[in-house]
mmCIF file of all heavy atoms, coordinates in Angstrom:
data_MODEL
# 
_entry.id   MODEL 
# 
loop_
_atom_site.group_PDB 
_atom_site.id 
_atom_site.type_symbol 
_atom_site.label_atom_id 
_atom_site.label_alt_id 
_atom_site.label_comp_id 
_atom_site.label_asym_id 
_atom_site.label_entity_id 
_atom_site.label_seq_id 
_atom_site.pdbx_PDB_ins_code 
_atom_site.Cartn_x 
_atom_site.Cartn_y 
_atom_site.Cartn_z 
_atom_site.occupancy 
_atom_site.B_iso_or_equiv 
_atom_site.pdbx_formal_charge 
_atom_site.auth_seq_id 
_atom_site.auth_comp_id 
_atom_site.auth_asym_id 
_atom_site.auth_atom_id 
_atom_site.pdbx_PDB_model_num 
ATOM 1   N N   . ALA A 1 1  ? 14.818 33.542 15.882 1.00 0.00 ? 1  ALA A N   1 
ATOM 2   C CA  . ALA A 1 1  ? 15.047 32.373 15.020 1.00 0.00 ? 1  ALA A CA  1 
ATOM 3   C C   . ALA A 1 1  ? 15.363 31.134 15.850 1.00 0.00 ? 1  ALA A C   1 
ATOM 4   O O   . ALA A 1 1  ? 14.913 30.012 15.535 1.00 0.00 ? 1  ALA A O   1 
ATOM 5   C CB  . ALA A 1 1  ? 16.186 32.676 14.054 1.00 0.00 ? 1  ALA A CB  1 
ATOM 6   N N   . ALA A 1 2  ? 16.154 31.282 16.901 1.00 0.00 ? 2  ALA A N   1 
ATOM 7   C CA  . ALA A 1 2  ? 16.497 30.136 17.756 1.00 0.00 ? 2  ALA A CA  1 
ATOM 8   C C   . ALA A 1 2  ? 15.268 29.562 18.440 1.00 0.00 ? 2  ALA A C   1 
ATOM 9   O O   . ALA A 1 2  ? 15.082 28.337 18.525 1.00 0.00 ? 2  ALA A O   1 
ATOM 10  C CB  . ALA A 1 2  ? 17.530 30.565 18.790 1.00 0.00 ? 2  ALA A CB  1 
ATOM 11  N N   . ILE A 1 3  ? 14.390 30.430 18.910 1.00 0.00 ? 3  ILE A N   1 
ATOM 12  C CA  . ILE A 1 3  ? 13.153 29.964 19.566 1.00 0.00 ? 3  ILE A CA  1 
ATOM 13  C C   . ILE A 1 3  ? 12.286 29.190 18.578 1.00 0.00 ? 3  ILE A C   1 
ATOM 14  O O   . ILE A 1 3  ? 11.739 28.120 18.886 1.00 0.00 ? 3  ILE A O   1 
ATOM 15  C CB  . ILE A 1 3  ? 12.397 31.154 20.159 1.00 0.00 ? 3  ILE A CB  1 
ATOM 16  C CG1 . ILE A 1 3  ? 13.221 31.757 21.323 1.00 0.00 ? 3  ILE A CG1 1 
ATOM 17  C CG2 . ILE A 1 3  ? 11.019 30.746 20.651 1.00 0.00 ? 3  ILE A CG2 1 
ATOM 18  C CD1 . ILE A 1 3  ? 12.658 33.057 21.848 1.00 0.00 ? 3  ILE A CD1 1 
ATOM 19  N N   . ALA A 1 4  ? 12.186 29.744 17.364 1.00 0.00 ? 4  ALA A N   1 
ATOM 20  C CA  . ALA A 1 4  ? 11.352 29.058 16.360 1.00 0.00 ? 4  ALA A CA  1 
ATOM 21  C C   . ALA A 1 4  ? 11.915 27.688 16.003 1.00 0.00 ? 4  ALA A C   1 
ATOM 22  O O   . ALA A 1 4  ? 11.180 26.703 15.870 1.00 0.00 ? 4  ALA A O   1 
ATOM 23  C CB  . ALA A 1 4  ? 11.260 29.931 15.116 1.00 0.00 ? 4  ALA A CB  1 
ATOM 24  N N   . ARG A 1 5  ? 13.244 27.595 15.825 1.00 0.00 ? 5  ARG A N   1 
ATOM 25  C CA  . ARG A 1 5  ? 13.832 26.294 15.488 1.00 0.00 ? 5  ARG A CA  1 
ATOM 26  C C   . ARG A 1 5  ? 13.636 25.282 16.610 1.00 0.00 ? 5  ARG A C   1 
ATOM 27  O O   . ARG A 1 5  ? 13.368 24.099 16.378 1.00 0.00 ? 5  ARG A O   1 
ATOM 28  C CB  . ARG A 1 5  ? 15.316 26.490 15.205 1.00 0.00 ? 5  ARG A CB  1 
ATOM 29  C CG  . ARG A 1 5  ? 15.597 27.161 13.876 1.00 0.00 ? 5  ARG A CG  1 
ATOM 30  C CD  . ARG A 1 5  ? 17.062 26.981 13.488 1.00 0.00 ? 5  ARG A CD  1 
ATOM 31  N NE  . ARG A 1 5  ? 17.967 27.555 14.473 1.00 0.00 ? 5  ARG A NE  1 
ATOM 32  C CZ  . ARG A 1 5  ? 18.349 28.835 14.478 1.00 0.00 ? 5  ARG A CZ  1 
ATOM 33  N NH1 . ARG A 1 5  ? 17.896 29.648 13.558 1.00 0.00 ? 5  ARG A NH1 1 
ATOM 34  N NH2 . ARG A 1 5  ? 19.171 29.269 15.390 1.00 0.00 ? 5  ARG A NH2 1 
ATOM 35  N N   . ALA A 1 6  ? 13.797 25.722 17.846 1.00 0.00 ? 6  ALA A N   1 
ATOM 36  C CA  . ALA A 1 6  ? 13.651 24.791 18.980 1.00 0.00 ? 6  ALA A CA  1 
ATOM 37  C C   . ALA A 1 6  ? 12.245 24.202 19.050 1.00 0.00 ? 6  ALA A C   1 
ATOM 38  O O   . ALA A 1 6  ? 12.058 22.992 19.247 1.00 0.00 ? 6  ALA A O   1 
ATOM 39  C CB  . ALA A 1 6  ? 13.992 25.518 20.278 1.00 0.00 ? 6  ALA A CB  1 
ATOM 40  N N   . LYS A 1 7  ? 11.246 25.036 18.896 1.00 0.00 ? 7  LYS A N   1 
ATOM 41  C CA  . LYS A 1 7  ? 9.866  24.538 18.979 1.00 0.00 ? 7  LYS A CA  1 
ATOM 42  C C   . LYS A 1 7  ? 9.513  23.642 17.809 1.00 0.00 ? 7  LYS A C   1 
ATOM 43  O O   . LYS A 1 7  ? 8.783  22.655 17.942 1.00 0.00 ? 7  LYS A O   1 
ATOM 44  C CB  . LYS A 1 7  ? 8.921  25.719 19.074 1.00 0.00 ? 7  LYS A CB  1 
ATOM 45  C CG  . LYS A 1 7  ? 9.100  26.481 20.382 1.00 0.00 ? 7  LYS A CG  1 
ATOM 46  C CD  . LYS A 1 7  ? 7.970  27.419 20.658 1.00 0.00 ? 7  LYS A CD  1 
ATOM 47  C CE  . LYS A 1 7  ? 8.148  28.039 22.048 1.00 0.00 ? 7  LYS A CE  1 
ATOM 48  N NZ  . LYS A 1 7  ? 7.022  28.899 22.388 1.00 0.00 ? 7  LYS A NZ  1 
ATOM 49  N N   . ALA A 1 8  ? 10.044 23.980 16.632 1.00 0.00 ? 8  ALA A N   1 
ATOM 50  C CA  . ALA A 1 8  ? 9.761  23.126 15.472 1.00 0.00 ? 8  ALA A CA  1 
ATOM 51  C C   . ALA A 1 8  ? 10.381 21.748 15.648 1.00 0.00 ? 8  ALA A C   1 
ATOM 52  O O   . ALA A 1 8  ? 9.765  20.713 15.326 1.00 0.00 ? 8  ALA A O   1 
ATOM 53  C CB  . ALA A 1 8  ? 10.293 23.786 14.208 1.00 0.00 ? 8  ALA A CB  1 
ATOM 54  N N   . LYS A 1 9  ? 11.624 21.701 16.125 1.00 0.00 ? 9  LYS A N   1 
ATOM 55  C CA  . LYS A 1 9  ? 12.267 20.408 16.347 1.00 0.00 ? 9  LYS A CA  1 
ATOM 56  C C   . LYS A 1 9  ? 11.560 19.606 17.430 1.00 0.00 ? 9  LYS A C   1 
ATOM 57  O O   . LYS A 1 9  ? 11.457 18.369 17.370 1.00 0.00 ? 9  LYS A O   1 
ATOM 58  C CB  . LYS A 1 9  ? 13.725 20.641 16.724 1.00 0.00 ? 9  LYS A CB  1 
ATOM 59  C CG  . LYS A 1 9  ? 14.557 21.159 15.564 1.00 0.00 ? 9  LYS A CG  1 
ATOM 60  C CD  . LYS A 1 9  ? 15.979 21.428 15.979 1.00 0.00 ? 9  LYS A CD  1 
ATOM 61  C CE  . LYS A 1 9  ? 16.780 21.979 14.816 1.00 0.00 ? 9  LYS A CE  1 
ATOM 62  N NZ  . LYS A 1 9  ? 18.182 22.272 15.186 1.00 0.00 ? 9  LYS A NZ  1 
ATOM 63  N N   . LYS A 1 10 ? 11.076 20.288 18.462 1.00 0.00 ? 10 LYS A N   1 
ATOM 64  C CA  . LYS A 1 10 ? 10.350 19.590 19.534 1.00 0.00 ? 10 LYS A CA  1 
ATOM 65  C C   . LYS A 1 10 ? 9.070  18.964 19.018 1.00 0.00 ? 10 LYS A C   1 
ATOM 66  O O   . LYS A 1 10 ? 8.727  17.823 19.357 1.00 0.00 ? 10 LYS A O   1 
ATOM 67  C CB  . LYS A 1 10 ? 10.056 20.559 20.663 1.00 0.00 ? 10 LYS A CB  1 
ATOM 68  C CG  . LYS A 1 10 ? 9.441  19.913 21.880 1.00 0.00 ? 10 LYS A CG  1 
ATOM 69  C CD  . LYS A 1 10 ? 9.279  20.952 22.984 1.00 0.00 ? 10 LYS A CD  1 
ATOM 70  C CE  . LYS A 1 10 ? 8.684  20.290 24.225 1.00 0.00 ? 10 LYS A CE  1 
ATOM 71  N NZ  . LYS A 1 10 ? 8.496  21.268 25.320 1.00 0.00 ? 10 LYS A NZ  1 
ATOM 72  N N   . ALA A 1 11 ? 8.374  19.691 18.161 1.00 0.00 ? 11 ALA A N   1 
ATOM 73  C CA  . ALA A 1 11 ? 7.135  19.135 17.586 1.00 0.00 ? 11 ALA A CA  1 
ATOM 74  C C   . ALA A 1 11 ? 7.425  17.948 16.685 1.00 0.00 ? 11 ALA A C   1 
ATOM 75  O O   . ALA A 1 11 ? 6.700  16.946 16.671 1.00 0.00 ? 11 ALA A O   1 
ATOM 76  C CB  . ALA A 1 11 ? 6.403  20.223 16.813 1.00 0.00 ? 11 ALA A CB  1 
ATOM 77  N N   . ALA A 1 12 ? 8.507  18.029 15.894 1.00 0.00 ? 12 ALA A N   1 
ATOM 78  C CA  . ALA A 1 12 ? 8.869  16.905 15.020 1.00 0.00 ? 12 ALA A CA  1 
ATOM 79  C C   . ALA A 1 12 ? 9.275  15.686 15.829 1.00 0.00 ? 12 ALA A C   1 
ATOM 80  O O   . ALA A 1 12 ? 8.990  14.545 15.455 1.00 0.00 ? 12 ALA A O   1 
ATOM 81  C CB  . ALA A 1 12 ? 10.000 17.323 14.094 1.00 0.00 ? 12 ALA A CB  1 
ATOM 82  N N   . GLN A 1 13 ? 9.950  15.906 16.945 1.00 0.00 ? 13 GLN A N   1 
ATOM 83  C CA  . GLN A 1 13 ? 10.384 14.802 17.798 1.00 0.00 ? 13 GLN A CA  1 
ATOM 84  C C   . GLN A 1 13 ? 9.197  14.046 18.373 1.00 0.00 ? 13 GLN A C   1 
ATOM 85  O O   . GLN A 1 13 ? 9.203  12.826 18.507 1.00 0.00 ? 13 GLN A O   1 
ATOM 86  C CB  . GLN A 1 13 ? 11.277 15.354 18.913 1.00 0.00 ? 13 GLN A CB  1 
ATOM 87  C CG  . GLN A 1 13 ? 11.823 14.295 19.851 1.00 0.00 ? 13 GLN A CG  1 
ATOM 88  C CD  . GLN A 1 13 ? 12.679 14.912 20.952 1.00 0.00 ? 13 GLN A CD  1 
ATOM 89  O OE1 . GLN A 1 13 ? 12.820 16.116 20.962 1.00 0.00 ? 13 GLN A OE1 1 
ATOM 90  N NE2 . GLN A 1 13 ? 13.203 14.089 21.823 1.00 0.00 ? 13 GLN A NE2 1 
ATOM 91  N N   . GLN A 1 14 ? 8.141  14.748 18.731 1.00 0.00 ? 14 GLN A N   1 
ATOM 92  C CA  . GLN A 1 14 ? 6.967  14.111 19.325 1.00 0.00 ? 14 GLN A CA  1 
ATOM 93  C C   . GLN A 1 14 ? 6.221  13.209 18.342 1.00 0.00 ? 14 GLN A C   1 
ATOM 94  O O   . GLN A 1 14 ? 5.538  12.275 18.729 1.00 0.00 ? 14 GLN A O   1 
ATOM 95  C CB  . GLN A 1 14 ? 6.030  15.182 19.867 1.00 0.00 ? 14 GLN A CB  1 
ATOM 96  C CG  . GLN A 1 14 ? 6.617  15.919 21.069 1.00 0.00 ? 14 GLN A CG  1 
ATOM 97  C CD  . GLN A 1 14 ? 5.748  17.083 21.509 1.00 0.00 ? 14 GLN A CD  1 
ATOM 98  O OE1 . GLN A 1 14 ? 4.730  17.358 20.853 1.00 0.00 ? 14 GLN A OE1 1 
ATOM 99  N NE2 . GLN A 1 14 ? 6.140  17.725 22.603 1.00 0.00 ? 14 GLN A NE2 1 
ATOM 100 N N   . THR A 1 15 ? 6.337  13.494 17.046 1.00 0.00 ? 15 THR A N   1 
ATOM 101 C CA  . THR A 1 15 ? 5.598  12.712 16.038 1.00 0.00 ? 15 THR A CA  1 
ATOM 102 C C   . THR A 1 15 ? 6.354  11.487 15.549 1.00 0.00 ? 15 THR A C   1 
ATOM 103 O O   . THR A 1 15 ? 5.796  10.668 14.813 1.00 0.00 ? 15 THR A O   1 
ATOM 104 C CB  . THR A 1 15 ? 5.278  13.597 14.844 1.00 0.00 ? 15 THR A CB  1 
ATOM 105 O OG1 . THR A 1 15 ? 6.510  14.086 14.293 1.00 0.00 ? 15 THR A OG1 1 
ATOM 106 C CG2 . THR A 1 15 ? 4.415  14.785 15.258 1.00 0.00 ? 15 THR A CG2 1 
ATOM 107 N N   . GLN A 1 16 ? 7.611  11.333 15.855 1.00 0.00 ? 16 GLN A N   1 
ATOM 108 C CA  . GLN A 1 16 ? 8.392  10.177 15.401 1.00 0.00 ? 16 GLN A CA  1 
ATOM 109 C C   . GLN A 1 16 ? 8.014  8.901  16.190 1.00 0.00 ? 16 GLN A C   1 
ATOM 110 O O   . GLN A 1 16 ? 7.548  8.944  17.318 1.00 0.00 ? 16 GLN A O   1 
ATOM 111 C CB  . GLN A 1 16 ? 9.878  10.466 15.560 1.00 0.00 ? 16 GLN A CB  1 
ATOM 112 C CG  . GLN A 1 16 ? 10.388 11.518 14.579 1.00 0.00 ? 16 GLN A CG  1 
ATOM 113 C CD  . GLN A 1 16 ? 11.888 11.754 14.769 1.00 0.00 ? 16 GLN A CD  1 
ATOM 114 O OE1 . GLN A 1 16 ? 12.472 11.169 15.692 1.00 0.00 ? 16 GLN A OE1 1 
ATOM 115 N NE2 . GLN A 1 16 ? 12.443 12.570 13.908 1.00 0.00 ? 16 GLN A NE2 1 
ATOM 116 N N   . THR A 1 17 ? 8.239  7.752  15.604 1.00 0.00 ? 17 THR A N   1 
ATOM 117 C CA  . THR A 1 17 ? 7.991  6.450  16.272 1.00 0.00 ? 17 THR A CA  1 
ATOM 118 C C   . THR A 1 17 ? 9.063  6.166  17.292 1.00 0.00 ? 17 THR A C   1 
ATOM 119 O O   . THR A 1 17 ? 10.196 6.605  17.147 1.00 0.00 ? 17 THR A O   1 
ATOM 120 C CB  . THR A 1 17 ? 7.964  5.321  15.246 1.00 0.00 ? 17 THR A CB  1 
ATOM 121 O OG1 . THR A 1 17 ? 9.218  5.327  14.587 1.00 0.00 ? 17 THR A OG1 1 
ATOM 122 C CG2 . THR A 1 17 ? 6.848  5.524  14.239 1.00 0.00 ? 17 THR A CG2 1 
ATOM 123 N N   . VAL A 1 18 ? 8.708  5.309  18.322 1.00 0.00 ? 18 VAL A N   1 
ATOM 124 C CA  . VAL A 1 18 ? 9.624  5.052  19.414 1.00 0.00 ? 18 VAL A CA  1 
ATOM 125 C C   . VAL A 1 18 ? 10.731 4.091  19.014 1.00 0.00 ? 18 VAL A C   1 
ATOM 126 O O   . VAL A 1 18 ? 11.861 4.174  19.480 1.00 0.00 ? 18 VAL A O   1 
ATOM 127 C CB  . VAL A 1 18 ? 8.864  4.495  20.629 1.00 0.00 ? 18 VAL A CB  1 
ATOM 128 C CG1 . VAL A 1 18 ? 9.784  4.189  21.798 1.00 0.00 ? 18 VAL A CG1 1 
ATOM 129 C CG2 . VAL A 1 18 ? 7.758  5.448  21.021 1.00 0.00 ? 18 VAL A CG2 1 
ATOM 130 N N   . ASP A 1 19 ? 10.410 3.097  18.063 1.00 0.00 ? 19 ASP A N   1 
ATOM 131 C CA  . ASP A 1 19 ? 11.387 2.069  17.721 1.00 0.00 ? 19 ASP A CA  1 
ATOM 132 C C   . ASP A 1 19 ? 12.414 2.498  16.699 1.00 0.00 ? 19 ASP A C   1 
ATOM 133 O O   . ASP A 1 19 ? 13.263 1.715  16.298 1.00 0.00 ? 19 ASP A O   1 
ATOM 134 C CB  . ASP A 1 19 ? 10.673 0.816  17.198 1.00 0.00 ? 19 ASP A CB  1 
ATOM 135 C CG  . ASP A 1 19 ? 9.769  1.166  16.020 1.00 0.00 ? 19 ASP A CG  1 
ATOM 136 O OD1 . ASP A 1 19 ? 9.538  2.416  15.798 1.00 0.00 ? 19 ASP A OD1 1 
ATOM 137 O OD2 . ASP A 1 19 ? 9.311  0.271  15.339 1.00 0.00 ? 19 ASP A OD2 1 
ATOM 138 N N   . THR A 1 20 ? 12.375 3.690  16.224 1.00 0.00 ? 20 THR A N   1 
ATOM 139 C CA  . THR A 1 20 ? 13.343 4.125  15.216 1.00 0.00 ? 20 THR A CA  1 
ATOM 140 C C   . THR A 1 20 ? 14.596 4.645  15.888 1.00 0.00 ? 20 THR A C   1 
ATOM 141 O O   . THR A 1 20 ? 14.509 5.543  16.715 1.00 0.00 ? 20 THR A O   1 
ATOM 142 C CB  . THR A 1 20 ? 12.739 5.226  14.339 1.00 0.00 ? 20 THR A CB  1 
ATOM 143 O OG1 . THR A 1 20 ? 11.534 4.749  13.763 1.00 0.00 ? 20 THR A OG1 1 
ATOM 144 C CG2 . THR A 1 20 ? 13.712 5.658  13.234 1.00 0.00 ? 20 THR A CG2 1 
ATOM 145 N N   . PRO A 1 21 ? 15.819 4.101  15.529 1.00 0.00 ? 21 PRO A N   1 
ATOM 146 C CA  . PRO A 1 21 ? 17.027 4.613  16.188 1.00 0.00 ? 21 PRO A CA  1 
ATOM 147 C C   . PRO A 1 21 ? 17.269 6.087  15.895 1.00 0.00 ? 21 PRO A C   1 
ATOM 148 O O   . PRO A 1 21 ? 17.797 6.807  16.706 1.00 0.00 ? 21 PRO A O   1 
ATOM 149 C CB  . PRO A 1 21 ? 18.155 3.739  15.618 1.00 0.00 ? 21 PRO A CB  1 
ATOM 150 C CG  . PRO A 1 21 ? 17.460 2.517  15.113 1.00 0.00 ? 21 PRO A CG  1 
ATOM 151 C CD  . PRO A 1 21 ? 16.103 2.924  14.673 1.00 0.00 ? 21 PRO A CD  1 
ATOM 152 N N   . LEU A 1 22 ? 16.790 6.490  14.706 1.00 0.00 ? 22 LEU A N   1 
ATOM 153 C CA  . LEU A 1 22 ? 17.014 7.898  14.354 1.00 0.00 ? 22 LEU A CA  1 
ATOM 154 C C   . LEU A 1 22 ? 16.239 8.842  15.247 1.00 0.00 ? 22 LEU A C   1 
ATOM 155 O O   . LEU A 1 22 ? 16.647 9.952  15.530 1.00 0.00 ? 22 LEU A O   1 
ATOM 156 C CB  . LEU A 1 22 ? 16.652 8.134  12.876 1.00 0.00 ? 22 LEU A CB  1 
ATOM 157 C CG  . LEU A 1 22 ? 16.844 9.552  12.346 1.00 0.00 ? 22 LEU A CG  1 
ATOM 158 C CD1 . LEU A 1 22 ? 18.325 9.926  12.442 1.00 0.00 ? 22 LEU A CD1 1 
ATOM 159 C CD2 . LEU A 1 22 ? 16.346 9.646  10.918 1.00 0.00 ? 22 LEU A CD2 1 
ATOM 160 N N   . THR A 1 23 ? 15.093 8.325  15.743 1.00 0.00 ? 23 THR A N   1 
ATOM 161 C CA  . THR A 1 23 ? 14.260 9.195  16.566 1.00 0.00 ? 23 THR A CA  1 
ATOM 162 C C   . THR A 1 23 ? 14.959 9.552  17.862 1.00 0.00 ? 23 THR A C   1 
ATOM 163 O O   . THR A 1 23 ? 14.923 10.694 18.324 1.00 0.00 ? 23 THR A O   1 
ATOM 164 C CB  . THR A 1 23 ? 12.914 8.508  16.842 1.00 0.00 ? 23 THR A CB  1 
ATOM 165 O OG1 . THR A 1 23 ? 12.351 8.133  15.622 1.00 0.00 ? 23 THR A OG1 1 
ATOM 166 C CG2 . THR A 1 23 ? 11.979 9.423  17.619 1.00 0.00 ? 23 THR A CG2 1 
ATOM 167 N N   . GLU A 1 24 ? 15.561 8.549  18.499 1.00 0.00 ? 24 GLU A N   1 
ATOM 168 C CA  . GLU A 1 24 ? 16.272 8.842  19.741 1.00 0.00 ? 24 GLU A CA  1 
ATOM 169 C C   . GLU A 1 24 ? 17.406 9.853  19.521 1.00 0.00 ? 24 GLU A C   1 
ATOM 170 O O   . GLU A 1 24 ? 17.581 10.795 20.280 1.00 0.00 ? 24 GLU A O   1 
ATOM 171 C CB  . GLU A 1 24 ? 16.851 7.543  20.328 1.00 0.00 ? 24 GLU A CB  1 
ATOM 172 C CG  . GLU A 1 24 ? 15.785 6.585  20.839 1.00 0.00 ? 24 GLU A CG  1 
ATOM 173 C CD  . GLU A 1 24 ? 16.387 5.322  21.409 1.00 0.00 ? 24 GLU A CD  1 
ATOM 174 O OE1 . GLU A 1 24 ? 17.619 5.302  21.550 1.00 0.00 ? 24 GLU A OE1 1 
ATOM 175 O OE2 . GLU A 1 24 ? 15.653 4.412  21.731 1.00 0.00 ? 24 GLU A OE2 1 
ATOM 176 N N   . GLN A 1 25 ? 18.110 9.546  18.425 1.00 0.00 ? 25 GLN A N   1 
ATOM 177 C CA  . GLN A 1 25 ? 19.225 10.472 18.140 1.00 0.00 ? 25 GLN A CA  1 
ATOM 178 C C   . GLN A 1 25 ? 18.733 11.876 17.874 1.00 0.00 ? 25 GLN A C   1 
ATOM 179 O O   . GLN A 1 25 ? 19.268 12.856 18.402 1.00 0.00 ? 25 GLN A O   1 
ATOM 180 C CB  . GLN A 1 25 ? 20.021 9.947  16.942 1.00 0.00 ? 25 GLN A CB  1 
ATOM 181 C CG  . GLN A 1 25 ? 21.167 10.880 16.542 1.00 0.00 ? 25 GLN A CG  1 
ATOM 182 C CD  . GLN A 1 25 ? 21.834 10.357 15.272 1.00 0.00 ? 25 GLN A CD  1 
ATOM 183 O OE1 . GLN A 1 25 ? 21.445 9.296  14.762 1.00 0.00 ? 25 GLN A OE1 1 
ATOM 184 N NE2 . GLN A 1 25 ? 22.823 11.075 14.802 1.00 0.00 ? 25 GLN A NE2 1 
# 
């Protein structure tokens, strides 16, 4: 479960825009 969550979050992080403060966080 931990491996699956990590990869899902990594994929979501790559699709976010650079100028959004939430993305960095």
